Amino acid sequence: MAKYLLLKHYRGAPAPVNDVPMDQWTPQEISAHMQYMSDFAARLEESGEFVDGQALSPEGTFVRYDGEERPPITDGPFAETKDLIAGWMVIDVDGYERAVELAGELSAAPGAGGAPIHEWLEVRPFLAAPPTITE
């Protein structure tokens, strides 16, 4: 089994087919989308392929260490993750092909008007071991 991270983006990915931002959806459209996500996760729990998943709040702050006895630096001139990542799911599947298959299915969650979003999801494998350093 191999673990993969499926990332759902607010921004930063190519535009989905049904490109209406969630803050413009009706409460019923949001409920239908969330139900689809819940049903998808439940099915993967039954098959043993679901590890974890969460939606992320739009609030957040970048923090960086700036040296001894100095306050941490917050935010900065960079794109903030809170603007980019909407949520994530970790799956444990037989391989890359299955991860891509599930990401494709997850991409069909309903959006505005009840039509599938066909959003892009980022599929990232977990490292099985830390990278080795060669000299």
N, C-alpha and C. Protein backbone atom coordinates (compact mmCIF):
# COMPACT_ATOMS: atom_id res chain seq x y z
N MET A 1 0.85 -1.18 0.00
CA MET A 1 0.00 0.00 0.00
C MET A 1 0.90 1.25 0.00
N ALA A 2 0.40 2.29 -0.62
CA ALA A 2 1.13 3.55 -0.71
C ALA A 2 0.21 4.68 -0.32
N LYS A 3 0.73 5.64 0.44
CA LYS A 3 -0.08 6.77 0.87
C LYS A 3 0.11 7.94 -0.08
N TYR A 4 -1.02 8.60 -0.35
CA TYR A 4 -1.04 9.77 -1.21
C TYR A 4 -1.86 10.88 -0.55
N LEU A 5 -1.46 12.10 -0.81
CA LEU A 5 -2.18 13.28 -0.36
C LEU A 5 -2.93 13.85 -1.55
N LEU A 6 -4.24 14.01 -1.40
CA LEU A 6 -5.06 14.65 -2.42
C LEU A 6 -5.35 16.06 -1.93
N LEU A 7 -4.86 17.07 -2.66
CA LEU A 7 -5.03 18.46 -2.26
C LEU A 7 -6.10 19.13 -3.09
N LYS A 8 -7.04 19.77 -2.42
CA LYS A 8 -8.08 20.57 -3.08
C LYS A 8 -7.66 22.03 -2.95
N HIS A 9 -7.63 22.73 -4.05
CA HIS A 9 -7.14 24.11 -4.07
C HIS A 9 -8.28 25.11 -4.17
N TYR A 10 -8.14 26.24 -3.45
CA TYR A 10 -9.00 27.40 -3.70
C TYR A 10 -8.52 28.06 -4.99
N ARG A 11 -7.22 28.33 -5.02
CA ARG A 11 -6.58 28.97 -6.17
C ARG A 11 -5.24 28.32 -6.39
N GLY A 12 -4.68 28.56 -7.55
CA GLY A 12 -3.34 28.07 -7.82
C GLY A 12 -3.34 26.87 -8.75
N ALA A 13 -4.47 26.24 -8.92
CA ALA A 13 -4.59 25.12 -9.87
C ALA A 13 -5.29 25.65 -11.11
N PRO A 14 -5.24 24.90 -12.21
CA PRO A 14 -6.02 25.34 -13.38
C PRO A 14 -7.50 25.45 -13.02
N ALA A 15 -8.20 26.35 -13.66
CA ALA A 15 -9.62 26.56 -13.36
C ALA A 15 -10.42 25.29 -13.62
N PRO A 16 -11.34 24.94 -12.71
CA PRO A 16 -12.21 23.79 -12.95
C PRO A 16 -13.26 24.14 -14.01
N VAL A 17 -13.94 23.13 -14.49
CA VAL A 17 -14.98 23.33 -15.50
C VAL A 17 -16.11 24.20 -14.93
N ASN A 18 -16.61 23.84 -13.76
CA ASN A 18 -17.68 24.59 -13.09
C ASN A 18 -16.99 25.57 -12.14
N ASP A 19 -16.51 26.69 -12.69
CA ASP A 19 -15.63 27.60 -11.96
C ASP A 19 -16.38 28.73 -11.27
N VAL A 20 -17.31 28.37 -10.38
CA VAL A 20 -18.03 29.35 -9.58
C VAL A 20 -17.51 29.20 -8.15
N PRO A 21 -16.90 30.24 -7.57
CA PRO A 21 -16.36 30.13 -6.21
C PRO A 21 -17.43 29.72 -5.21
N MET A 22 -17.02 28.92 -4.22
CA MET A 22 -17.97 28.39 -3.24
C MET A 22 -18.71 29.49 -2.49
N ASP A 23 -18.08 30.65 -2.30
CA ASP A 23 -18.78 31.71 -1.57
C ASP A 23 -19.96 32.28 -2.38
N GLN A 24 -20.12 31.82 -3.62
CA GLN A 24 -21.26 32.23 -4.45
C GLN A 24 -22.29 31.11 -4.61
N TRP A 25 -22.08 29.97 -3.95
CA TRP A 25 -23.02 28.86 -4.02
C TRP A 25 -24.17 29.09 -3.05
N THR A 26 -25.28 28.45 -3.33
CA THR A 26 -26.41 28.47 -2.39
C THR A 26 -26.11 27.51 -1.24
N PRO A 27 -26.81 27.66 -0.12
CA PRO A 27 -26.63 26.71 0.98
C PRO A 27 -26.90 25.27 0.55
N GLN A 28 -27.85 25.06 -0.35
CA GLN A 28 -28.16 23.70 -0.82
C GLN A 28 -27.00 23.14 -1.66
N GLU A 29 -26.37 23.99 -2.45
CA GLU A 29 -25.23 23.55 -3.27
C GLU A 29 -24.04 23.19 -2.37
N ILE A 30 -23.82 23.98 -1.33
CA ILE A 30 -22.74 23.67 -0.39
C ILE A 30 -23.03 22.36 0.32
N SER A 31 -24.28 22.17 0.76
CA SER A 31 -24.67 20.92 1.44
C SER A 31 -24.47 19.71 0.53
N ALA A 32 -24.85 19.83 -0.74
CA ALA A 32 -24.69 18.72 -1.69
C ALA A 32 -23.22 18.40 -1.89
N HIS A 33 -22.39 19.42 -1.97
CA HIS A 33 -20.95 19.21 -2.14
C HIS A 33 -20.36 18.50 -0.91
N MET A 34 -20.72 18.99 0.26
CA MET A 34 -20.20 18.40 1.50
C MET A 34 -20.69 16.96 1.67
N GLN A 35 -21.92 16.68 1.27
CA GLN A 35 -22.46 15.32 1.35
C GLN A 35 -21.68 14.39 0.42
N TYR A 36 -21.38 14.87 -0.78
CA TYR A 36 -20.59 14.08 -1.73
C TYR A 36 -19.23 13.73 -1.11
N MET A 37 -18.59 14.74 -0.52
CA MET A 37 -17.28 14.52 0.10
C MET A 37 -17.39 13.50 1.24
N SER A 38 -18.42 13.63 2.05
CA SER A 38 -18.63 12.72 3.17
C SER A 38 -18.89 11.29 2.68
N ASP A 39 -19.73 11.16 1.68
CA ASP A 39 -20.03 9.83 1.12
C ASP A 39 -18.79 9.20 0.50
N PHE A 40 -17.99 10.00 -0.18
CA PHE A 40 -16.75 9.52 -0.79
C PHE A 40 -15.82 8.98 0.29
N ALA A 41 -15.63 9.75 1.36
CA ALA A 41 -14.75 9.33 2.45
C ALA A 41 -15.29 8.06 3.13
N ALA A 42 -16.60 7.98 3.32
CA ALA A 42 -17.20 6.80 3.96
C ALA A 42 -16.96 5.54 3.12
N ARG A 43 -17.08 5.69 1.80
CA ARG A 43 -16.84 4.54 0.93
C ARG A 43 -15.38 4.09 1.02
N LEU A 44 -14.46 5.05 1.10
CA LEU A 44 -13.04 4.69 1.22
C LEU A 44 -12.72 4.12 2.60
N GLU A 45 -13.45 4.56 3.62
CA GLU A 45 -13.28 3.95 4.95
C GLU A 45 -13.66 2.48 4.90
N GLU A 46 -14.76 2.17 4.21
CA GLU A 46 -15.22 0.78 4.09
C GLU A 46 -14.21 -0.08 3.35
N SER A 47 -13.56 0.48 2.35
CA SER A 47 -12.58 -0.29 1.57
C SER A 47 -11.20 -0.31 2.22
N GLY A 48 -11.02 0.47 3.31
CA GLY A 48 -9.73 0.52 3.99
C GLY A 48 -8.74 1.47 3.33
N GLU A 49 -9.20 2.31 2.41
CA GLU A 49 -8.29 3.20 1.69
C GLU A 49 -8.24 4.62 2.27
N PHE A 50 -9.15 4.94 3.17
CA PHE A 50 -9.20 6.29 3.75
C PHE A 50 -8.29 6.34 4.97
N VAL A 51 -7.44 7.36 5.04
CA VAL A 51 -6.61 7.58 6.22
C VAL A 51 -7.13 8.77 7.01
N ASP A 52 -7.29 9.92 6.35
CA ASP A 52 -7.78 11.11 7.03
C ASP A 52 -8.10 12.17 5.98
N GLY A 53 -8.87 13.14 6.36
CA GLY A 53 -9.18 14.26 5.47
C GLY A 53 -9.80 15.38 6.26
N GLN A 54 -9.56 16.60 5.82
CA GLN A 54 -10.11 17.77 6.51
C GLN A 54 -10.32 18.90 5.51
N ALA A 55 -11.34 19.68 5.76
CA ALA A 55 -11.50 20.96 5.07
C ALA A 55 -10.74 21.98 5.92
N LEU A 56 -10.17 22.97 5.29
CA LEU A 56 -9.41 23.98 6.02
C LEU A 56 -10.14 25.31 6.04
N SER A 57 -10.05 25.98 7.17
CA SER A 57 -10.61 27.31 7.32
C SER A 57 -9.81 28.29 6.48
N PRO A 58 -10.43 29.34 5.98
CA PRO A 58 -9.66 30.32 5.22
C PRO A 58 -8.72 31.15 6.08
N GLU A 59 -8.91 31.14 7.41
CA GLU A 59 -8.00 31.88 8.29
C GLU A 59 -6.71 31.11 8.48
N GLY A 60 -5.61 31.82 8.63
CA GLY A 60 -4.33 31.20 8.87
C GLY A 60 -3.23 32.22 8.75
N THR A 61 -2.04 31.88 9.23
CA THR A 61 -0.91 32.80 9.20
C THR A 61 0.36 32.03 8.91
N PHE A 62 1.21 32.58 8.07
CA PHE A 62 2.56 32.05 7.89
C PHE A 62 3.39 32.52 9.07
N VAL A 63 4.22 31.65 9.63
CA VAL A 63 5.12 32.01 10.72
C VAL A 63 6.50 31.48 10.38
N ARG A 64 7.52 32.28 10.71
CA ARG A 64 8.90 31.88 10.42
C ARG A 64 9.77 32.25 11.61
N TYR A 65 10.70 31.37 11.97
CA TYR A 65 11.69 31.64 12.99
C TYR A 65 12.62 32.73 12.48
N ASP A 66 12.90 33.74 13.33
CA ASP A 66 13.74 34.85 12.88
C ASP A 66 14.93 35.08 13.81
N GLY A 67 15.32 34.05 14.55
CA GLY A 67 16.53 34.16 15.37
C GLY A 67 16.20 34.20 16.85
N GLU A 68 17.23 33.93 17.65
CA GLU A 68 17.09 33.91 19.10
C GLU A 68 16.59 35.25 19.62
N GLU A 69 15.64 35.16 20.55
CA GLU A 69 15.08 36.32 21.24
C GLU A 69 14.46 37.35 20.29
N ARG A 70 14.03 36.91 19.15
CA ARG A 70 13.33 37.78 18.21
C ARG A 70 11.95 37.20 17.99
N PRO A 71 10.94 38.04 17.86
CA PRO A 71 9.61 37.50 17.64
C PRO A 71 9.53 36.82 16.27
N PRO A 72 8.66 35.84 16.15
CA PRO A 72 8.54 35.20 14.83
C PRO A 72 8.00 36.20 13.81
N ILE A 73 8.38 36.00 12.59
CA ILE A 73 7.87 36.79 11.48
C ILE A 73 6.56 36.15 11.04
N THR A 74 5.52 36.94 10.83
CA THR A 74 4.26 36.39 10.36
C THR A 74 3.90 36.99 9.02
N ASP A 75 3.18 36.20 8.26
CA ASP A 75 2.81 36.54 6.89
C ASP A 75 4.05 36.93 6.10
N GLY A 76 3.93 37.64 5.06
CA GLY A 76 5.10 37.99 4.28
C GLY A 76 4.73 38.29 2.85
N PRO A 77 5.72 38.38 1.99
CA PRO A 77 5.45 38.75 0.60
C PRO A 77 5.06 37.55 -0.27
N PHE A 78 4.73 36.43 0.36
CA PHE A 78 4.46 35.22 -0.39
C PHE A 78 2.97 34.92 -0.45
N ALA A 79 2.57 34.17 -1.45
CA ALA A 79 1.18 33.70 -1.51
C ALA A 79 0.92 32.88 -0.26
N GLU A 80 -0.20 33.12 0.39
CA GLU A 80 -0.48 32.43 1.63
C GLU A 80 -1.22 31.12 1.38
N THR A 81 -0.84 30.09 2.11
CA THR A 81 -1.47 28.79 1.96
C THR A 81 -2.97 28.87 2.18
N LYS A 82 -3.41 29.71 3.10
CA LYS A 82 -4.84 29.82 3.37
C LYS A 82 -5.60 30.25 2.12
N ASP A 83 -4.92 30.92 1.20
CA ASP A 83 -5.56 31.33 -0.05
C ASP A 83 -5.52 30.23 -1.10
N LEU A 84 -4.74 29.20 -0.87
CA LEU A 84 -4.51 28.19 -1.90
C LEU A 84 -5.14 26.84 -1.62
N ILE A 85 -5.04 26.36 -0.40
CA ILE A 85 -5.48 24.99 -0.08
C ILE A 85 -6.83 25.02 0.62
N ALA A 86 -7.82 24.36 0.02
CA ALA A 86 -9.17 24.31 0.60
C ALA A 86 -9.32 23.13 1.54
N GLY A 87 -8.64 22.05 1.27
CA GLY A 87 -8.74 20.87 2.10
C GLY A 87 -7.87 19.77 1.54
N TRP A 88 -7.85 18.65 2.25
CA TRP A 88 -6.98 17.55 1.84
C TRP A 88 -7.57 16.23 2.30
N MET A 89 -7.10 15.18 1.67
CA MET A 89 -7.46 13.82 2.04
C MET A 89 -6.22 12.95 1.88
N VAL A 90 -5.98 12.10 2.84
CA VAL A 90 -4.89 11.14 2.75
C VAL A 90 -5.51 9.78 2.48
N ILE A 91 -5.00 9.12 1.46
CA ILE A 91 -5.50 7.79 1.11
C ILE A 91 -4.34 6.81 1.15
N ASP A 92 -4.64 5.55 1.36
CA ASP A 92 -3.64 4.49 1.39
C ASP A 92 -4.13 3.43 0.41
N VAL A 93 -3.52 3.40 -0.77
CA VAL A 93 -4.02 2.60 -1.87
C VAL A 93 -2.92 1.71 -2.44
N ASP A 94 -3.30 0.83 -3.37
CA ASP A 94 -2.34 -0.10 -3.96
C ASP A 94 -1.27 0.57 -4.80
N GLY A 95 -1.53 1.75 -5.33
CA GLY A 95 -0.52 2.40 -6.14
C GLY A 95 -1.02 3.69 -6.77
N TYR A 96 -0.15 4.26 -7.57
CA TYR A 96 -0.40 5.55 -8.21
C TYR A 96 -1.67 5.53 -9.07
N GLU A 97 -1.88 4.48 -9.82
CA GLU A 97 -3.05 4.42 -10.70
C GLU A 97 -4.35 4.53 -9.90
N ARG A 98 -4.41 3.86 -8.75
CA ARG A 98 -5.62 3.92 -7.91
C ARG A 98 -5.76 5.32 -7.32
N ALA A 99 -4.66 5.95 -6.93
CA ALA A 99 -4.72 7.31 -6.39
C ALA A 99 -5.27 8.27 -7.44
N VAL A 100 -4.83 8.14 -8.68
CA VAL A 100 -5.31 8.99 -9.77
C VAL A 100 -6.79 8.71 -10.03
N GLU A 101 -7.18 7.45 -10.01
CA GLU A 101 -8.58 7.08 -10.21
C GLU A 101 -9.48 7.75 -9.17
N LEU A 102 -9.07 7.67 -7.90
CA LEU A 102 -9.88 8.27 -6.83
C LEU A 102 -9.89 9.79 -6.91
N ALA A 103 -8.77 10.40 -7.25
CA ALA A 103 -8.73 11.85 -7.41
C ALA A 103 -9.67 12.29 -8.52
N GLY A 104 -9.72 11.53 -9.61
CA GLY A 104 -10.63 11.84 -10.69
C GLY A 104 -12.08 11.78 -10.25
N GLU A 105 -12.39 10.79 -9.43
CA GLU A 105 -13.76 10.67 -8.93
C GLU A 105 -14.09 11.80 -7.95
N LEU A 106 -13.15 12.14 -7.10
CA LEU A 106 -13.36 13.22 -6.14
C LEU A 106 -13.54 14.56 -6.85
N SER A 107 -12.91 14.71 -7.99
CA SER A 107 -13.00 15.94 -8.78
C SER A 107 -14.41 16.19 -9.30
N ALA A 108 -15.25 15.17 -9.29
CA ALA A 108 -16.62 15.30 -9.81
C ALA A 108 -17.62 15.73 -8.76
N ALA A 109 -17.16 16.18 -7.59
CA ALA A 109 -18.08 16.66 -6.56
C ALA A 109 -18.95 17.77 -7.13
N PRO A 110 -20.22 17.84 -6.74
CA PRO A 110 -21.09 18.87 -7.30
C PRO A 110 -20.73 20.25 -6.81
N GLY A 111 -21.00 21.22 -7.66
CA GLY A 111 -20.77 22.63 -7.33
C GLY A 111 -22.00 23.44 -7.64
N ALA A 112 -21.78 24.63 -8.17
CA ALA A 112 -22.89 25.53 -8.49
C ALA A 112 -23.85 24.86 -9.47
N GLY A 113 -25.13 24.99 -9.21
CA GLY A 113 -26.14 24.41 -10.07
C GLY A 113 -26.23 22.90 -9.96
N GLY A 114 -25.48 22.31 -9.03
CA GLY A 114 -25.48 20.86 -8.87
C GLY A 114 -24.63 20.13 -9.89
N ALA A 115 -24.02 20.86 -10.81
CA ALA A 115 -23.17 20.23 -11.83
C ALA A 115 -21.81 19.89 -11.23
N PRO A 116 -21.18 18.80 -11.70
CA PRO A 116 -19.85 18.46 -11.20
C PRO A 116 -18.86 19.61 -11.42
N ILE A 117 -17.98 19.79 -10.45
CA ILE A 117 -16.98 20.85 -10.56
C ILE A 117 -15.92 20.49 -11.59
N HIS A 118 -15.53 19.22 -11.61
CA HIS A 118 -14.40 18.77 -12.42
C HIS A 118 -13.17 19.60 -12.09
N GLU A 119 -12.95 19.79 -10.76
CA GLU A 119 -11.80 20.56 -10.32
C GLU A 119 -10.52 19.74 -10.43
N TRP A 120 -9.41 20.43 -10.52
CA TRP A 120 -8.11 19.78 -10.50
C TRP A 120 -7.76 19.47 -9.06
N LEU A 121 -7.27 18.26 -8.82
CA LEU A 121 -6.75 17.90 -7.51
C LEU A 121 -5.27 17.55 -7.68
N GLU A 122 -4.50 17.93 -6.70
CA GLU A 122 -3.08 17.59 -6.73
C GLU A 122 -2.89 16.26 -6.01
N VAL A 123 -2.23 15.31 -6.66
CA VAL A 123 -1.95 13.99 -6.08
C VAL A 123 -0.46 13.95 -5.75
N ARG A 124 -0.14 13.81 -4.46
CA ARG A 124 1.25 13.81 -4.03
C ARG A 124 1.52 12.57 -3.19
N PRO A 125 2.52 11.78 -3.59
CA PRO A 125 2.86 10.61 -2.79
C PRO A 125 3.62 11.00 -1.53
N PHE A 126 3.42 10.25 -0.48
CA PHE A 126 4.23 10.41 0.73
C PHE A 126 5.57 9.72 0.48
N LEU A 127 6.63 10.25 1.02
CA LEU A 127 7.93 9.59 0.92
C LEU A 127 7.91 8.35 1.82
N ALA A 128 8.40 7.25 1.31
CA ALA A 128 8.47 6.02 2.11
C ALA A 128 9.59 6.13 3.15
N ALA A 129 10.61 6.93 2.84
CA ALA A 129 11.75 7.13 3.73
C ALA A 129 12.32 8.51 3.44
N PRO A 130 13.05 9.08 4.40
CA PRO A 130 13.66 10.38 4.13
C PRO A 130 14.61 10.29 2.94
N PRO A 131 14.77 11.37 2.21
CA PRO A 131 15.71 11.34 1.08
C PRO A 131 17.12 11.09 1.60
N THR A 132 17.89 10.38 0.83
CA THR A 132 19.29 10.12 1.22
C THR A 132 20.18 11.20 0.63
N ILE A 133 21.20 11.52 1.37
CA ILE A 133 22.17 12.54 0.92
C ILE A 133 23.42 11.82 0.43
N THR A 134 23.78 12.09 -0.79
CA THR A 134 25.00 11.50 -1.34
C THR A 134 26.06 12.58 -1.44
N GLU A 135 27.27 12.19 -1.12
CA GLU A 135 28.37 13.17 -1.16
C GLU A 135 29.25 12.95 -2.35
